[in-house]
């Protein structure tokens, strides 16, 4: 049991380090190759920050633990809204005025409904994976098109002007090695813990694995709030949820078809949809996510965890 916990902790450590190094290397490489900060932010950074979830889902699927692979995505999306936004709101509150995320929120809801519809077929296979990736292409095209009409984003984090090629390659190497290693250790440890306690792999994926892979987003969101930029957490969560649904499930199901557990169909996907819909009134009416709203979100997440166990 202690060994399994150490494997989980080591896996999370490698995922955090590998994900950070991959994003840093990819961002600096892309800028050195002449891509604009806008394109890098919407593509390279978005994919890079979802790399830990992608590697965990791929590793789990290839090891025959599809429950963990799907649970990781669904659980991460729930945790992003109820846990991460809840915590960030409690820290400083999250303003919504001046940050028009209504279209992105609508695309997130659409992606959620699409995944649910495909899941009720009982299997997210290769055809369904291609549908999800096609939807991802539409989302990226729309974001890039809209982005051309807006001002350039603030300077991307992790950028080191004039970074040497050797340094960039080193960052990329650490990320490429650390991510699969961390994912492998996390899946092995989490699967063993599930067997020891007699808990389903789906529940482990929805909780331990999902929260673990969301820790980088949690740290970044709280850090943004402490710097007076809590609004960034809202955009990060919406973007992360979109990529989790379309990119991670799409790529993973192309590699290995994913049978959908009945438990996730009957409860967790509906919780994911419900928590996503909660953001609608705040975004459309410009209502800030106050500290009291944050407490409610954290309370709802606690009730969800209680229901799972």
C-alpha atoms as a PDB file:
ATOM      1  CA  UNK A   1       0.000   0.000   0.000  1.00  0.00           C
ATOM      2  CA  UNK A   2       2.801   2.430   0.918  1.00  0.00           C
ATOM      3  CA  UNK A   3       4.573   1.510  -2.309  1.00  0.00           C
ATOM      4  CA  UNK A   4       1.413   2.257  -4.306  1.00  0.00           C
ATOM      5  CA  UNK A   5       1.058   5.681  -2.648  1.00  0.00           C
ATOM      6  CA  UNK A   6       4.703   6.433  -3.412  1.00  0.00           C
ATOM      7  CA  UNK A   7       4.109   5.426  -7.042  1.00  0.00           C
ATOM      8  CA  UNK A   8       1.138   7.812  -7.230  1.00  0.00           C
ATOM      9  CA  UNK A   9       3.113  10.676  -5.680  1.00  0.00           C
ATOM     10  CA  UNK A  10       6.119  10.019  -7.917  1.00  0.00           C
ATOM     11  CA  UNK A  11       3.848   9.840 -10.944  1.00  0.00           C
ATOM     12  CA  UNK A  12       2.219  13.169 -10.084  1.00  0.00           C
ATOM     13  CA  UNK A  13       5.648  14.719  -9.583  1.00  0.00           C
ATOM     14  CA  UNK A  14       6.887  13.580 -12.985  1.00  0.00           C
ATOM     15  CA  UNK A  15       3.625  14.746 -14.604  1.00  0.00           C
ATOM     16  CA  UNK A  16       3.879  18.238 -13.096  1.00  0.00           C
ATOM     17  CA  UNK A  17       7.570  18.587 -13.972  1.00  0.00           C
ATOM     18  CA  UNK A  18       7.195  17.030 -17.421  1.00  0.00           C
ATOM     19  CA  UNK A  19       4.132  19.109 -18.290  1.00  0.00           C
ATOM     20  CA  UNK A  20       5.797  22.349 -17.210  1.00  0.00           C
ATOM     21  CA  UNK A  21       8.994  21.604 -19.142  1.00  0.00           C
ATOM     22  CA  UNK A  22       7.079  20.525 -22.255  1.00  0.00           C
ATOM     23  CA  UNK A  23       5.013  23.720 -22.315  1.00  0.00           C
ATOM     24  CA  UNK A  24       8.085  25.871 -21.688  1.00  0.00           C
ATOM     25  CA  UNK A  25      10.088  24.167 -24.421  1.00  0.00           C
ATOM     26  CA  UNK A  26       7.215  24.112 -26.915  1.00  0.00           C
ATOM     27  CA  UNK A  27       6.332  27.794 -26.361  1.00  0.00           C
ATOM     28  CA  UNK A  28       9.920  28.980 -26.813  1.00  0.00           C
ATOM     29  CA  UNK A  29      10.427  26.698 -29.824  1.00  0.00           C
ATOM     30  CA  UNK A  30       7.235  27.943 -31.482  1.00  0.00           C
ATOM     31  CA  UNK A  31       8.158  31.595 -30.974  1.00  0.00           C
ATOM     32  CA  UNK A  32      11.676  30.943 -32.296  1.00  0.00           C
ATOM     33  CA  UNK A  33      10.053  29.415 -35.407  1.00  0.00           C
ATOM     34  CA  UNK A  34       8.034  32.593 -35.959  1.00  0.00           C
ATOM     35  CA  UNK A  35       4.554  31.700 -34.689  1.00  0.00           C
ATOM     36  CA  UNK A  36       2.594  34.555 -33.082  1.00  0.00           C
ATOM     37  CA  UNK A  37       1.797  34.540 -29.349  1.00  0.00           C
ATOM     38  CA  UNK A  38      -1.900  34.222 -30.275  1.00  0.00           C
ATOM     39  CA  UNK A  39      -1.410  30.977 -32.211  1.00  0.00           C
ATOM     40  CA  UNK A  40       0.961  29.622 -29.576  1.00  0.00           C
ATOM     41  CA  UNK A  41      -1.492  30.389 -26.777  1.00  0.00           C
ATOM     42  CA  UNK A  42      -4.476  28.765 -28.477  1.00  0.00           C
ATOM     43  CA  UNK A  43      -2.634  25.676 -29.708  1.00  0.00           C
ATOM     44  CA  UNK A  44       0.758  24.883 -28.187  1.00  0.00           C
ATOM     45  CA  UNK A  45      -0.051  26.031 -24.650  1.00  0.00           C
ATOM     46  CA  UNK A  46      -3.542  24.519 -24.724  1.00  0.00           C
ATOM     47  CA  UNK A  47      -2.262  21.122 -25.836  1.00  0.00           C
ATOM     48  CA  UNK A  48       0.749  21.302 -23.540  1.00  0.00           C
ATOM     49  CA  UNK A  49      -1.227  22.005 -20.370  1.00  0.00           C
ATOM     50  CA  UNK A  50      -3.519  19.056 -21.181  1.00  0.00           C
ATOM     51  CA  UNK A  51      -0.552  16.739 -21.772  1.00  0.00           C
ATOM     52  CA  UNK A  52      -0.642  15.160 -18.272  1.00  0.00           C
ATOM     53  CA  UNK A  53      -4.317  14.183 -18.671  1.00  0.00           C
ATOM     54  CA  UNK A  54      -3.627  12.910 -22.199  1.00  0.00           C
ATOM     55  CA  UNK A  55      -0.700  10.736 -21.135  1.00  0.00           C
ATOM     56  CA  UNK A  56      -2.613   9.304 -18.160  1.00  0.00           C
ATOM     57  CA  UNK A  57      -5.658   8.454 -20.291  1.00  0.00           C
ATOM     58  CA  UNK A  58      -3.502   6.890 -23.026  1.00  0.00           C
ATOM     59  CA  UNK A  59      -1.489   4.870 -20.517  1.00  0.00           C
ATOM     60  CA  UNK A  60      -4.632   3.686 -18.736  1.00  0.00           C
ATOM     61  CA  UNK A  61      -6.370   2.706 -21.995  1.00  0.00           C
ATOM     62  CA  UNK A  62      -3.345   0.757 -23.250  1.00  0.00           C
ATOM     63  CA  UNK A  63      -3.167  -1.090 -19.907  1.00  0.00           C
ATOM     64  CA  UNK A  64      -6.821  -2.099 -20.235  1.00  0.00           C
ATOM     65  CA  UNK A  65      -8.034   0.384 -17.590  1.00  0.00           C
ATOM     66  CA  UNK A  66     -10.492   2.292 -19.776  1.00  0.00           C
ATOM     67  CA  UNK A  67     -12.521   3.204 -16.671  1.00  0.00           C
ATOM     68  CA  UNK A  68      -9.568   5.266 -15.429  1.00  0.00           C
ATOM     69  CA  UNK A  69      -9.075   6.803 -18.890  1.00  0.00           C
ATOM     70  CA  UNK A  70     -12.675   8.059 -19.137  1.00  0.00           C
ATOM     71  CA  UNK A  71     -12.982   8.801 -15.423  1.00  0.00           C
ATOM     72  CA  UNK A  72      -9.872  10.986 -15.638  1.00  0.00           C
ATOM     73  CA  UNK A  73     -11.472  13.247 -18.275  1.00  0.00           C
ATOM     74  CA  UNK A  74     -14.940  13.438 -16.718  1.00  0.00           C
ATOM     75  CA  UNK A  75     -13.561  13.839 -13.192  1.00  0.00           C
ATOM     76  CA  UNK A  76     -11.081  16.519 -14.307  1.00  0.00           C
ATOM     77  CA  UNK A  77     -13.858  18.566 -15.920  1.00  0.00           C
ATOM     78  CA  UNK A  78     -15.971  18.371 -12.778  1.00  0.00           C
ATOM     79  CA  UNK A  79     -12.991  19.249 -10.563  1.00  0.00           C
ATOM     80  CA  UNK A  80     -12.000  22.153 -12.834  1.00  0.00           C
ATOM     81  CA  UNK A  81     -15.336  23.879 -12.268  1.00  0.00           C
ATOM     82  CA  UNK A  82     -16.368  22.908  -8.736  1.00  0.00           C
ATOM     83  CA  UNK A  83     -12.958  22.507  -7.077  1.00  0.00           C
ATOM     84  CA  UNK A  84     -10.591  24.830  -8.964  1.00  0.00           C
ATOM     85  CA  UNK A  85     -13.014  27.686  -9.673  1.00  0.00           C
ATOM     86  CA  UNK A  86     -14.486  27.225  -6.200  1.00  0.00           C
ATOM     87  CA  UNK A  87     -11.081  27.503  -4.541  1.00  0.00           C
ATOM     88  CA  UNK A  88     -10.053  30.469  -6.713  1.00  0.00           C
ATOM     89  CA  UNK A  89     -13.322  32.284  -5.967  1.00  0.00           C
ATOM     90  CA  UNK A  90     -12.849  31.750  -2.217  1.00  0.00           C
ATOM     91  CA  UNK A  91      -9.327  33.197  -2.468  1.00  0.00           C
ATOM     92  CA  UNK A  92     -10.283  36.426  -4.232  1.00  0.00           C
ATOM     93  CA  UNK A  93     -13.527  36.198  -6.183  1.00  0.00           C
ATOM     94  CA  UNK A  94     -13.608  35.917  -9.987  1.00  0.00           C
ATOM     95  CA  UNK A  95     -14.885  38.860 -12.100  1.00  0.00           C
ATOM     96  CA  UNK A  96     -16.723  38.040 -15.332  1.00  0.00           C
ATOM     97  CA  UNK A  97     -17.384  41.515 -16.771  1.00  0.00           C
ATOM     98  CA  UNK A  98     -15.061  42.446 -19.600  1.00  0.00           C
ATOM     99  CA  UNK A  99     -14.192  38.811 -20.322  1.00  0.00           C
ATOM    100  CA  UNK A 100     -16.578  37.551 -22.998  1.00  0.00           C
ATOM    101  CA  UNK A 101     -16.411  33.774 -22.686  1.00  0.00           C
ATOM    102  CA  UNK A 102     -20.010  33.166 -23.748  1.00  0.00           C
ATOM    103  CA  UNK A 103     -19.082  31.618 -27.090  1.00  0.00           C
ATOM    104  CA  UNK A 104     -16.342  29.460 -25.549  1.00  0.00           C
ATOM    105  CA  UNK A 105     -18.763  28.372 -22.821  1.00  0.00           C
ATOM    106  CA  UNK A 106     -21.314  27.465 -25.503  1.00  0.00           C
ATOM    107  CA  UNK A 107     -18.706  25.363 -27.301  1.00  0.00           C
ATOM    108  CA  UNK A 108     -17.853  23.646 -24.000  1.00  0.00           C
ATOM    109  CA  UNK A 109     -21.526  22.787 -23.447  1.00  0.00           C
ATOM    110  CA  UNK A 110     -21.761  21.538 -27.043  1.00  0.00           C
ATOM    111  CA  UNK A 111     -18.668  19.354 -26.574  1.00  0.00           C
ATOM    112  CA  UNK A 112     -20.101  17.977 -23.318  1.00  0.00           C
ATOM    113  CA  UNK A 113     -23.420  17.062 -24.964  1.00  0.00           C
ATOM    114  CA  UNK A 114     -21.578  15.528 -27.946  1.00  0.00           C
ATOM    115  CA  UNK A 115     -19.448  13.306 -25.681  1.00  0.00           C
ATOM    116  CA  UNK A 116     -22.536  12.254 -23.722  1.00  0.00           C
ATOM    117  CA  UNK A 117     -24.422  11.375 -26.914  1.00  0.00           C
ATOM    118  CA  UNK A 118     -21.505   9.294 -28.202  1.00  0.00           C
ATOM    119  CA  UNK A 119     -21.037   7.646 -24.799  1.00  0.00           C
ATOM    120  CA  UNK A 120     -24.626   6.408 -24.711  1.00  0.00           C
ATOM    121  CA  UNK A 121     -23.682   4.176 -27.652  1.00  0.00           C
ATOM    122  CA  UNK A 122     -21.718   2.217 -25.037  1.00  0.00           C
ATOM    123  CA  UNK A 123     -18.335   2.660 -26.692  1.00  0.00           C
ATOM    124  CA  UNK A 124     -16.206   5.631 -27.692  1.00  0.00           C
ATOM    125  CA  UNK A 125     -14.456   3.967 -30.599  1.00  0.00           C
ATOM    126  CA  UNK A 126     -12.318   5.147 -33.471  1.00  0.00           C
ATOM    127  CA  UNK A 127     -15.230   6.595 -35.468  1.00  0.00           C
ATOM    128  CA  UNK A 128     -16.392   8.542 -32.412  1.00  0.00           C
ATOM    129  CA  UNK A 129     -12.783   9.637 -31.856  1.00  0.00           C
ATOM    130  CA  UNK A 130     -12.607  11.073 -35.376  1.00  0.00           C
ATOM    131  CA  UNK A 131     -15.874  12.950 -34.753  1.00  0.00           C
ATOM    132  CA  UNK A 132     -14.419  14.482 -31.564  1.00  0.00           C
ATOM    133  CA  UNK A 133     -11.189  15.497 -33.316  1.00  0.00           C
ATOM    134  CA  UNK A 134     -13.181  17.019 -36.198  1.00  0.00           C
ATOM    135  CA  UNK A 135     -15.120  19.070 -33.625  1.00  0.00           C
ATOM    136  CA  UNK A 136     -11.786  20.103 -32.087  1.00  0.00           C
ATOM    137  CA  UNK A 137     -10.655  21.340 -35.496  1.00  0.00           C
ATOM    138  CA  UNK A 138     -13.781  23.497 -35.789  1.00  0.00           C
ATOM    139  CA  UNK A 139     -13.210  24.924 -32.289  1.00  0.00           C
ATOM    140  CA  UNK A 140      -9.571  25.779 -33.040  1.00  0.00           C
ATOM    141  CA  UNK A 141     -10.499  27.354 -36.374  1.00  0.00           C
ATOM    142  CA  UNK A 142     -13.164  29.466 -34.679  1.00  0.00           C
ATOM    143  CA  UNK A 143     -10.838  30.579 -31.877  1.00  0.00           C
ATOM    144  CA  UNK A 144      -8.036  31.471 -34.278  1.00  0.00           C
ATOM    145  CA  UNK A 145     -10.449  33.348 -36.553  1.00  0.00           C
ATOM    146  CA  UNK A 146     -11.902  35.326 -33.666  1.00  0.00           C
ATOM    147  CA  UNK A 147      -8.464  35.923 -32.207  1.00  0.00           C
ATOM    148  CA  UNK A 148      -7.261  37.717 -35.337  1.00  0.00           C
ATOM    149  CA  UNK A 149      -9.829  40.446 -34.677  1.00  0.00           C
ATOM    150  CA  UNK A 150      -8.710  40.993 -31.087  1.00  0.00           C
ATOM    151  CA  UNK A 151      -5.628  42.526 -29.535  1.00  0.00           C
ATOM    152  CA  UNK A 152      -2.641  40.297 -28.993  1.00  0.00           C
ATOM    153  CA  UNK A 153      -2.654  38.494 -25.644  1.00  0.00           C
ATOM    154  CA  UNK A 154      -0.341  39.391 -22.814  1.00  0.00           C
ATOM    155  CA  UNK A 155       3.134  37.956 -22.868  1.00  0.00           C
ATOM    156  CA  UNK A 156       3.033  34.198 -22.478  1.00  0.00           C
ATOM    157  CA  UNK A 157       4.406  32.708 -19.274  1.00  0.00           C
ATOM    158  CA  UNK A 158       7.546  30.633 -19.562  1.00  0.00           C
ATOM    159  CA  UNK A 159       8.985  32.669 -22.422  1.00  0.00           C
ATOM    160  CA  UNK A 160      12.710  33.358 -22.279  1.00  0.00           C
ATOM    161  CA  UNK A 161      13.628  35.723 -25.132  1.00  0.00           C
ATOM    162  CA  UNK A 162      16.588  34.416 -27.064  1.00  0.00           C
ATOM    163  CA  UNK A 163      16.597  31.023 -25.312  1.00  0.00           C
ATOM    164  CA  UNK A 164      19.357  28.845 -26.745  1.00  0.00           C
ATOM    165  CA  UNK A 165      18.400  25.868 -28.906  1.00  0.00           C
ATOM    166  CA  UNK A 166      20.157  23.481 -26.513  1.00  0.00           C
ATOM    167  CA  UNK A 167      18.098  24.800 -23.605  1.00  0.00           C
ATOM    168  CA  UNK A 168      14.851  24.446 -25.582  1.00  0.00           C
ATOM    169  CA  UNK A 169      15.722  20.870 -26.594  1.00  0.00           C
ATOM    170  CA  UNK A 170      16.547  20.033 -22.976  1.00  0.00           C
ATOM    171  CA  UNK A 171      13.143  21.321 -21.801  1.00  0.00           C
ATOM    172  CA  UNK A 172      11.415  19.281 -24.501  1.00  0.00           C
ATOM    173  CA  UNK A 173      13.419  16.158 -23.639  1.00  0.00           C
ATOM    174  CA  UNK A 174      12.531  16.383 -19.946  1.00  0.00           C
ATOM    175  CA  UNK A 175       8.852  16.834 -20.856  1.00  0.00           C
ATOM    176  CA  UNK A 176       8.779  13.996 -23.382  1.00  0.00           C
ATOM    177  CA  UNK A 177      10.460  11.602 -20.924  1.00  0.00           C
ATOM    178  CA  UNK A 178       8.767  12.792 -17.736  1.00  0.00           C
ATOM    179  CA  UNK A 179       5.148  12.727 -18.955  1.00  0.00           C
ATOM    180  CA  UNK A 180       4.871   9.058 -20.004  1.00  0.00           C
ATOM    181  CA  UNK A 181       6.957   7.952 -17.025  1.00  0.00           C
ATOM    182  CA  UNK A 182       4.720   9.875 -14.621  1.00  0.00           C
ATOM    183  CA  UNK A 183       1.543   8.632 -16.310  1.00  0.00           C
ATOM    184  CA  UNK A 184       2.725   5.013 -16.115  1.00  0.00           C
ATOM    185  CA  UNK A 185       3.594   5.260 -12.399  1.00  0.00           C
ATOM    186  CA  UNK A 186       0.313   7.024 -11.573  1.00  0.00           C
ATOM    187  CA  UNK A 187      -1.859   4.467 -13.390  1.00  0.00           C
ATOM    188  CA  UNK A 188      -0.051   1.491 -11.826  1.00  0.00           C
ATOM    189  CA  UNK A 189      -0.290   2.955  -8.307  1.00  0.00           C
ATOM    190  CA  UNK A 190      -3.918   4.059  -8.692  1.00  0.00           C
ATOM    191  CA  UNK A 191      -5.002   0.689 -10.112  1.00  0.00           C
ATOM    192  CA  UNK A 192      -3.352  -1.176  -7.232  1.00  0.00           C
ATOM    193  CA  UNK A 193      -4.997   1.137  -4.662  1.00  0.00           C
ATOM    194  CA  UNK A 194      -8.381   0.474  -6.276  1.00  0.00           C
ATOM    195  CA  UNK A 195      -7.880  -3.284  -5.975  1.00  0.00           C
ATOM    196  CA  UNK A 196      -6.664  -3.078  -2.349  1.00  0.00           C
ATOM    197  CA  UNK A 197      -9.716  -1.093  -1.184  1.00  0.00           C
ATOM    198  CA  UNK A 198     -12.190  -2.803  -3.484  1.00  0.00           C
ATOM    199  CA  UNK A 199     -13.023   0.503  -5.170  1.00  0.00           C
ATOM    200  CA  UNK A 200     -13.852   0.556  -8.867  1.00  0.00           C
ATOM    201  CA  UNK A 201     -11.245   1.937 -11.230  1.00  0.00           C
ATOM    202  CA  UNK A 202     -13.880   4.383 -12.469  1.00  0.00           C
ATOM    203  CA  UNK A 203     -14.107   5.991  -9.006  1.00  0.00           C
ATOM    204  CA  UNK A 204     -10.303   6.121  -8.720  1.00  0.00           C
ATOM    205  CA  UNK A 205     -10.157   7.802 -12.143  1.00  0.00           C
ATOM    206  CA  UNK A 206     -12.892  10.276 -11.194  1.00  0.00           C
ATOM    207  CA  UNK A 207     -11.232  11.266  -7.923  1.00  0.00           C
ATOM    208  CA  UNK A 208      -7.576  10.467  -7.200  1.00  0.00           C
ATOM    209  CA  UNK A 209      -6.356  10.536 -10.806  1.00  0.00           C
ATOM    210  CA  UNK A 210      -8.586  13.423 -11.915  1.00  0.00           C
ATOM    211  CA  UNK A 211      -7.652  15.658  -8.980  1.00  0.00           C
ATOM    212  CA  UNK A 212      -3.989  14.694  -9.303  1.00  0.00           C
ATOM    213  CA  UNK A 213      -3.770  15.631 -12.973  1.00  0.00           C
ATOM    214  CA  UNK A 214      -5.646  18.885 -12.241  1.00  0.00           C
ATOM    215  CA  UNK A 215      -3.132  20.018  -9.618  1.00  0.00           C
ATOM    216  CA  UNK A 216      -1.108  22.130 -12.118  1.00  0.00           C
ATOM    217  CA  UNK A 217      -4.273  24.011 -13.120  1.00  0.00           C
ATOM    218  CA  UNK A 218      -5.155  24.451  -9.435  1.00  0.00           C
ATOM    219  CA  UNK A 219      -1.723  25.893  -8.625  1.00  0.00           C
ATOM    220  CA  UNK A 220      -1.812  28.211 -11.653  1.00  0.00           C
ATOM    221  CA  UNK A 221      -5.339  29.442 -10.873  1.00  0.00           C
ATOM    222  CA  UNK A 222      -4.619  30.209  -7.213  1.00  0.00           C
ATOM    223  CA  UNK A 223      -1.336  31.910  -8.171  1.00  0.00           C
ATOM    224  CA  UNK A 224      -3.228  34.054 -10.718  1.00  0.00           C
ATOM    225  CA  UNK A 225      -5.782  34.990  -8.054  1.00  0.00           C
ATOM    226  CA  UNK A 226      -3.056  36.052  -5.626  1.00  0.00           C
ATOM    227  CA  UNK A 227      -1.576  38.271  -8.378  1.00  0.00           C
ATOM    228  CA  UNK A 228      -4.967  39.907  -8.912  1.00  0.00           C
ATOM    229  CA  UNK A 229      -5.699  38.017 -12.146  1.00  0.00           C
ATOM    230  CA  UNK A 230      -8.355  35.564 -10.950  1.00  0.00           C
ATOM    231  CA  UNK A 231     -10.239  36.140 -14.228  1.00  0.00           C
ATOM    232  CA  UNK A 232      -7.569  34.066 -16.005  1.00  0.00           C
ATOM    233  CA  UNK A 233      -8.741  30.971 -14.116  1.00  0.00           C
ATOM    234  CA  UNK A 234     -12.156  31.142 -15.789  1.00  0.00           C
ATOM    235  CA  UNK A 235     -10.728  31.135 -19.314  1.00  0.00           C
ATOM    236  CA  UNK A 236      -8.242  28.413 -18.414  1.00  0.00           C
ATOM    237  CA  UNK A 237     -10.978  26.149 -17.044  1.00  0.00           C
ATOM    238  CA  UNK A 238     -13.269  26.575 -20.060  1.00  0.00           C
ATOM    239  CA  UNK A 239     -10.369  25.943 -22.452  1.00  0.00           C
ATOM    240  CA  UNK A 240      -9.079  22.976 -20.463  1.00  0.00           C
ATOM    241  CA  UNK A 241     -12.527  21.341 -20.364  1.00  0.00           C
ATOM    242  CA  UNK A 242     -12.896  21.747 -24.121  1.00  0.00           C
ATOM    243  CA  UNK A 243      -9.527  20.102 -24.774  1.00  0.00           C
ATOM    244  CA  UNK A 244     -10.184  17.307 -22.279  1.00  0.00           C
ATOM    245  CA  UNK A 245     -13.394  16.330 -24.048  1.00  0.00           C
ATOM    246  CA  UNK A 246     -12.378  16.745 -27.674  1.00  0.00           C
ATOM    247  CA  UNK A 247      -8.603  16.227 -27.770  1.00  0.00           C
ATOM    248  CA  UNK A 248      -7.924  13.730 -24.990  1.00  0.00           C
ATOM    249  CA  UNK A 249     -10.942  11.483 -25.553  1.00  0.00           C
ATOM    250  CA  UNK A 250     -10.548  11.867 -29.322  1.00  0.00           C
ATOM    251  CA  UNK A 251      -6.865  10.892 -29.416  1.00  0.00           C
ATOM    252  CA  UNK A 252      -7.188   8.152 -26.778  1.00  0.00           C
ATOM    253  CA  UNK A 253     -10.142   6.467 -28.500  1.00  0.00           C
ATOM    254  CA  UNK A 254      -8.271   6.453 -31.818  1.00  0.00           C
ATOM    255  CA  UNK A 255      -5.436   4.545 -30.151  1.00  0.00           C
ATOM    256  CA  UNK A 256      -7.656   2.280 -28.033  1.00  0.00           C
ATOM    257  CA  UNK A 257     -11.495   2.189 -28.143  1.00  0.00           C
ATOM    258  CA  UNK A 258     -13.006   3.023 -24.745  1.00  0.00           C
ATOM    259  CA  UNK A 259     -16.016   1.126 -23.323  1.00  0.00           C
ATOM    260  CA  UNK A 260     -18.008   3.574 -21.184  1.00  0.00           C
ATOM    261  CA  UNK A 261     -18.772   2.346 -17.621  1.00  0.00           C
ATOM    262  CA  UNK A 262     -22.461   2.387 -16.739  1.00  0.00           C
ATOM    263  CA  UNK A 263     -21.728   4.251 -13.497  1.00  0.00           C
ATOM    264  CA  UNK A 264     -20.133   7.161 -15.366  1.00  0.00           C
ATOM    265  CA  UNK A 265     -23.038   7.252 -17.819  1.00  0.00           C
ATOM    266  CA  UNK A 266     -25.713   7.293 -15.112  1.00  0.00           C
ATOM    267  CA  UNK A 267     -24.169   9.798 -12.708  1.00  0.00           C
ATOM    268  CA  UNK A 268     -20.869  11.445 -13.491  1.00  0.00           C
ATOM    269  CA  UNK A 269     -21.552  12.690 -17.027  1.00  0.00           C
ATOM    270  CA  UNK A 270     -24.722  14.357 -15.764  1.00  0.00           C
ATOM    271  CA  UNK A 271     -22.766  15.994 -12.928  1.00  0.00           C
ATOM    272  CA  UNK A 272     -20.235  17.192 -15.528  1.00  0.00           C
ATOM    273  CA  UNK A 273     -23.038  18.712 -17.638  1.00  0.00           C
ATOM    274  CA  UNK A 274     -24.768  20.249 -14.616  1.00  0.00           C
ATOM    275  CA  UNK A 275     -21.598  21.854 -13.252  1.00  0.00           C
ATOM    276  CA  UNK A 276     -20.811  23.249 -16.720  1.00  0.00           C
ATOM    277  CA  UNK A 277     -24.299  24.755 -17.019  1.00  0.00           C
ATOM    278  CA  UNK A 278     -23.841  26.460 -13.628  1.00  0.00           C
ATOM    279  CA  UNK A 279     -21.411  28.922 -15.216  1.00  0.00           C
ATOM    280  CA  UNK A 280     -23.946  30.142 -17.802  1.00  0.00           C
ATOM    281  CA  UNK A 281     -25.873  32.710 -15.712  1.00  0.00           C
ATOM    282  CA  UNK A 282     -22.649  34.226 -14.366  1.00  0.00           C
ATOM    283  CA  UNK A 283     -21.134  34.637 -17.847  1.00  0.00           C
ATOM    284  CA  UNK A 284     -24.261  35.906 -19.605  1.00  0.00           C
ATOM    285  CA  UNK A 285     -25.268  38.380 -16.882  1.00  0.00           C
ATOM    286  CA  UNK A 286     -21.762  39.472 -15.926  1.00  0.00           C
ATOM    287  CA  UNK A 287     -22.154  38.302 -12.324  1.00  0.00           C
ATOM    288  CA  UNK A 288     -18.885  37.812 -10.465  1.00  0.00           C
ATOM    289  CA  UNK A 289     -18.094  34.483  -8.832  1.00  0.00           C
ATOM    290  CA  UNK A 290     -17.923  35.815  -5.277  1.00  0.00           C
ATOM    291  CA  UNK A 291     -16.415  34.110  -2.236  1.00  0.00           C
ATOM    292  CA  UNK A 292     -19.865  32.868  -1.195  1.00  0.00           C
ATOM    293  CA  UNK A 293     -20.330  31.338  -4.661  1.00  0.00           C
ATOM    294  CA  UNK A 294     -16.927  29.683  -4.256  1.00  0.00           C
ATOM    295  CA  UNK A 295     -18.046  28.147  -0.965  1.00  0.00           C
ATOM    296  CA  UNK A 296     -21.175  26.782  -2.688  1.00  0.00           C
ATOM    297  CA  UNK A 297     -19.094  25.270  -5.508  1.00  0.00           C
ATOM    298  CA  UNK A 298     -16.770  23.574  -3.005  1.00  0.00           C
ATOM    299  CA  UNK A 299     -19.807  22.337  -1.084  1.00  0.00           C
ATOM    300  CA  UNK A 300     -21.267  20.817  -4.247  1.00  0.00           C
ATOM    301  CA  UNK A 301     -17.953  19.086  -4.949  1.00  0.00           C
ATOM    302  CA  UNK A 302     -17.939  17.639  -1.431  1.00  0.00           C
ATOM    303  CA  UNK A 303     -21.475  16.291  -1.940  1.00  0.00           C
ATOM    304  CA  UNK A 304     -20.379  14.758  -5.259  1.00  0.00           C
ATOM    305  CA  UNK A 305     -17.410  13.014  -3.621  1.00  0.00           C
ATOM    306  CA  UNK A 306     -19.690  11.762  -0.825  1.00  0.00           C
ATOM    307  CA  UNK A 307     -22.080  10.330  -3.413  1.00  0.00           C
ATOM    308  CA  UNK A 308     -19.229   8.517  -5.185  1.00  0.00           C
ATOM    309  CA  UNK A 309     -17.919   6.799  -2.075  1.00  0.00           C
END
